[in-house]
Amino acid sequence: DSDRRARIVSKPLVLTVIGADQPGIVNLLSDVAQRYGANWADSRMASLAGQFAGIVHFEVPDQNAEALANALRALVSSGLHVAIAIGDSGAAPGAQRIVRLELTGNDRPGIVRDLSGRLAGCGVSIEELYTEVVSAAMSADPLFRVKARLAVPEALSDAELKRELESLATEMMVDFEFDRRAGGAAPAARQA
């Protein structure tokens, strides 16, 4: 069975979905995908402010990609908003390494804009981003916390990246984990 699957030419299909949070949304998505022979490859989902928000990467047999996309678009009748991108296997990215970033600072408007602008200016791609506002332990003041997985060009040294990000604001604590192998496959070494 796995040999047969390996011979099937597939395409990546990425779906974003949002709608009022309710039980059964993930089951609905997986049921539609299964009907077209799609494999659920990767996903990120959350309930935010009463809304379900999800991103799903399916690998779908080439001949079923458009039909699956149409079936997923039809979920609008279930109260879901969907956007779909069908791609090719894609070209491999240039030489890069994975860096995990944690940043905590006093909450204020513009942190994500400042951070993402600085990263883009350095040629760094944000692979994953998780943010939240939490209360400080002693004062209960709002703190903004960022956890990110970054794809950093090999030409940008760890020290240069750290200098760039630490210059964002003196009131923010920045913690990095640098992965020494291209593509991020090795365990990370921690640096402060």
Protein backbone atom coordinates (compact mmCIF):
# COMPACT_ATOMS: atom_id res chain seq x y z
CA ASP A 1 0.00 0.00 0.00
CA SER A 2 2.82 2.45 0.83
CA ASP A 3 4.56 1.56 -2.48
CA ARG A 4 1.37 2.36 -4.37
CA ARG A 5 1.05 5.72 -2.58
CA ALA A 6 4.67 6.60 -3.39
CA ARG A 7 3.94 6.22 -7.14
CA ILE A 8 0.92 8.54 -7.09
CA VAL A 9 1.80 12.04 -8.26
CA SER A 10 0.42 14.51 -5.77
CA LYS A 11 0.13 18.25 -5.39
CA PRO A 12 0.21 20.31 -2.24
CA LEU A 13 -3.05 22.09 -1.50
CA VAL A 14 -3.07 24.63 1.31
CA LEU A 15 -6.37 25.65 2.85
CA THR A 16 -7.08 28.47 5.25
CA VAL A 17 -10.43 28.34 6.99
CA ILE A 18 -12.21 30.58 9.47
CA GLY A 19 -15.67 30.47 10.97
CA ALA A 20 -17.64 30.55 14.20
CA ASP A 21 -16.10 27.94 16.49
CA GLN A 22 -18.24 24.82 16.87
CA PRO A 23 -17.69 21.09 17.25
CA GLY A 24 -17.12 19.16 14.01
CA ILE A 25 -15.20 21.62 11.82
CA VAL A 26 -12.04 19.49 11.70
CA ASN A 27 -14.13 16.39 11.01
CA LEU A 28 -15.89 18.18 8.16
CA LEU A 29 -12.57 19.19 6.58
CA SER A 30 -11.05 15.74 6.96
CA ASP A 31 -14.17 14.05 5.54
CA VAL A 32 -14.10 16.20 2.41
CA ALA A 33 -10.36 15.62 1.97
CA GLN A 34 -10.71 11.85 2.39
CA ARG A 35 -13.35 11.66 -0.36
CA TYR A 36 -10.71 12.93 -2.83
CA GLY A 37 -7.86 10.73 -1.60
CA ALA A 38 -6.02 13.61 0.07
CA ASN A 39 -3.49 13.06 2.82
CA TRP A 40 -3.64 15.50 5.76
CA ALA A 41 0.06 16.45 5.87
CA ASP A 42 0.34 19.40 8.25
CA SER A 43 -1.95 21.82 10.08
CA ARG A 44 -2.20 24.64 12.60
CA MET A 45 -5.53 25.42 14.23
CA ALA A 46 -6.80 27.57 17.05
CA SER A 47 -9.91 29.04 18.55
CA LEU A 48 -9.44 32.80 18.83
CA ALA A 49 -12.11 35.16 20.17
CA GLY A 50 -14.84 32.62 19.45
CA GLN A 51 -13.67 32.00 15.90
CA PHE A 52 -12.09 28.81 14.58
CA ALA A 53 -9.04 29.55 12.44
CA GLY A 54 -7.05 26.89 10.66
CA ILE A 55 -4.41 26.27 8.06
CA VAL A 56 -4.15 22.80 6.54
CA HIS A 57 -1.66 21.36 4.05
CA PHE A 58 -3.06 18.44 2.10
CA GLU A 59 -1.20 16.25 -0.38
CA VAL A 60 -3.80 15.36 -2.99
CA PRO A 61 -3.51 13.16 -6.10
CA ASP A 62 -2.84 15.44 -9.05
CA GLN A 63 -6.04 14.47 -10.88
CA ASN A 64 -8.18 15.26 -7.77
CA ALA A 65 -6.68 18.64 -6.82
CA GLU A 66 -9.21 20.90 -8.56
CA ALA A 67 -12.18 18.77 -7.49
CA LEU A 68 -11.02 18.86 -3.85
CA ALA A 69 -10.50 22.62 -4.06
CA ASN A 70 -14.06 23.06 -5.37
CA ALA A 71 -15.50 20.81 -2.65
CA LEU A 72 -13.65 22.77 0.04
CA ARG A 73 -14.84 26.09 -1.44
CA ALA A 74 -18.42 24.77 -1.19
CA LEU A 75 -18.02 24.71 2.61
CA VAL A 76 -19.03 28.37 2.55
CA SER A 77 -22.59 27.00 2.82
CA SER A 78 -21.55 25.64 6.24
CA GLY A 79 -20.62 29.14 7.40
CA LEU A 80 -16.90 28.75 6.79
CA HIS A 81 -14.72 31.16 4.86
CA VAL A 82 -12.01 29.39 2.90
CA ALA A 83 -9.05 30.32 0.75
CA ILE A 84 -7.13 27.72 -1.21
CA ALA A 85 -3.76 27.61 -2.93
CA ILE A 86 -2.70 24.69 -5.10
CA GLY A 87 1.01 24.49 -5.74
CA ASP A 88 3.74 22.45 -7.25
CA SER A 89 6.22 20.57 -5.12
CA GLY A 90 8.20 23.79 -5.30
CA ALA A 91 11.85 24.62 -5.55
CA ALA A 92 14.06 24.01 -2.55
CA PRO A 93 14.97 27.18 -0.67
CA GLY A 94 18.54 28.50 -0.76
CA ALA A 95 21.01 27.71 1.98
CA GLN A 96 19.38 28.53 5.30
CA ARG A 97 19.22 27.42 8.89
CA ILE A 98 16.43 27.37 11.43
CA VAL A 99 16.45 29.71 14.41
CA ARG A 100 13.90 29.62 17.19
CA LEU A 101 13.16 33.00 18.71
CA GLU A 102 11.40 33.88 21.95
CA LEU A 103 10.75 37.51 22.74
CA THR A 104 8.87 39.02 25.70
CA GLY A 105 8.26 42.67 26.39
CA ASN A 106 5.73 45.20 27.60
CA ASP A 107 2.69 45.03 25.35
CA ARG A 108 2.35 47.92 22.95
CA PRO A 109 1.01 48.45 19.44
CA GLY A 110 3.54 47.76 16.67
CA ILE A 111 5.66 44.93 18.11
CA VAL A 112 4.81 42.46 15.33
CA ARG A 113 5.22 45.15 12.66
CA ASP A 114 8.62 46.15 14.03
CA LEU A 115 9.80 42.57 14.42
CA SER A 116 8.57 41.36 11.03
CA GLY A 117 9.97 44.44 9.29
CA ARG A 118 13.38 43.92 10.85
CA LEU A 119 13.36 40.22 9.91
CA ALA A 120 12.27 40.90 6.32
CA GLY A 121 15.00 43.53 6.00
CA CYS A 122 17.55 40.84 6.90
CA GLY A 123 16.11 38.35 4.40
CA VAL A 124 14.67 36.16 7.18
CA SER A 125 11.44 34.25 6.55
CA ILE A 126 8.97 33.57 9.38
CA GLU A 127 8.12 29.86 9.17
CA GLU A 128 5.90 29.81 12.28
CA LEU A 129 4.68 32.58 14.58
CA TYR A 130 2.85 32.28 17.89
CA THR A 131 1.91 35.38 19.90
CA GLU A 132 -0.03 36.03 23.08
CA VAL A 133 -0.62 38.68 25.71
CA VAL A 134 0.01 37.46 29.26
CA SER A 135 0.02 39.11 32.68
CA ALA A 136 3.35 39.85 34.35
CA ALA A 137 3.83 37.70 37.44
CA MET A 138 4.25 40.45 40.03
CA SER A 139 2.59 43.52 38.52
CA ALA A 140 -0.10 41.94 36.30
CA ASP A 141 0.93 44.40 33.58
CA PRO A 142 0.29 43.06 30.07
CA LEU A 143 3.30 41.41 28.45
CA PHE A 144 3.51 40.49 24.78
CA ARG A 145 5.14 37.14 24.10
CA VAL A 146 6.39 35.96 20.70
CA LYS A 147 7.61 32.49 19.78
CA ALA A 148 8.81 32.09 16.23
CA ARG A 149 10.58 29.63 13.97
CA LEU A 150 12.69 31.52 11.46
CA ALA A 151 14.43 30.47 8.24
CA VAL A 152 17.65 32.50 8.27
CA PRO A 153 19.96 32.84 5.26
CA GLU A 154 23.35 31.20 5.91
CA ALA A 155 25.03 34.49 4.95
CA LEU A 156 23.51 36.21 8.02
CA SER A 157 25.52 35.27 11.12
CA ASP A 158 23.88 34.47 14.44
CA ALA A 159 25.61 37.49 15.99
CA GLU A 160 24.30 39.85 13.26
CA LEU A 161 20.76 38.55 13.65
CA LYS A 162 20.91 38.88 17.42
CA ARG A 163 22.24 42.47 17.17
CA GLU A 164 19.50 43.39 14.71
CA LEU A 165 16.73 42.08 16.94
CA GLU A 166 18.10 43.33 20.24
CA SER A 167 18.20 46.84 18.80
CA LEU A 168 14.39 46.75 18.43
CA ALA A 169 13.79 47.81 22.00
CA THR A 170 15.76 47.86 25.20
CA GLU A 171 12.73 46.84 27.27
CA MET A 172 12.35 43.48 25.54
CA MET A 173 14.02 40.23 26.53
CA VAL A 174 15.14 38.17 23.54
CA ASP A 175 16.07 34.50 23.70
CA PHE A 176 17.42 32.53 20.73
CA GLU A 177 18.06 28.91 19.90
CA PHE A 178 20.39 28.55 16.94
CA ASP A 179 20.36 25.42 14.83
CA ARG A 180 23.75 24.75 13.26
CA ARG A 181 22.63 22.62 10.32
CA ALA A 182 20.98 23.97 7.17
CA GLY A 183 17.29 23.15 7.06
CA GLY A 184 16.98 22.89 10.83
CA ALA A 185 17.26 19.13 11.23
CA ALA A 186 19.72 19.07 14.14
CA PRO A 187 18.90 19.67 17.79
CA ALA A 188 19.22 23.32 18.71
CA ALA A 189 21.99 24.76 20.88
CA ARG A 190 20.77 27.38 23.32
CA GLN A 191 22.32 30.85 23.49
CA ALA A 192 21.22 33.81 25.57
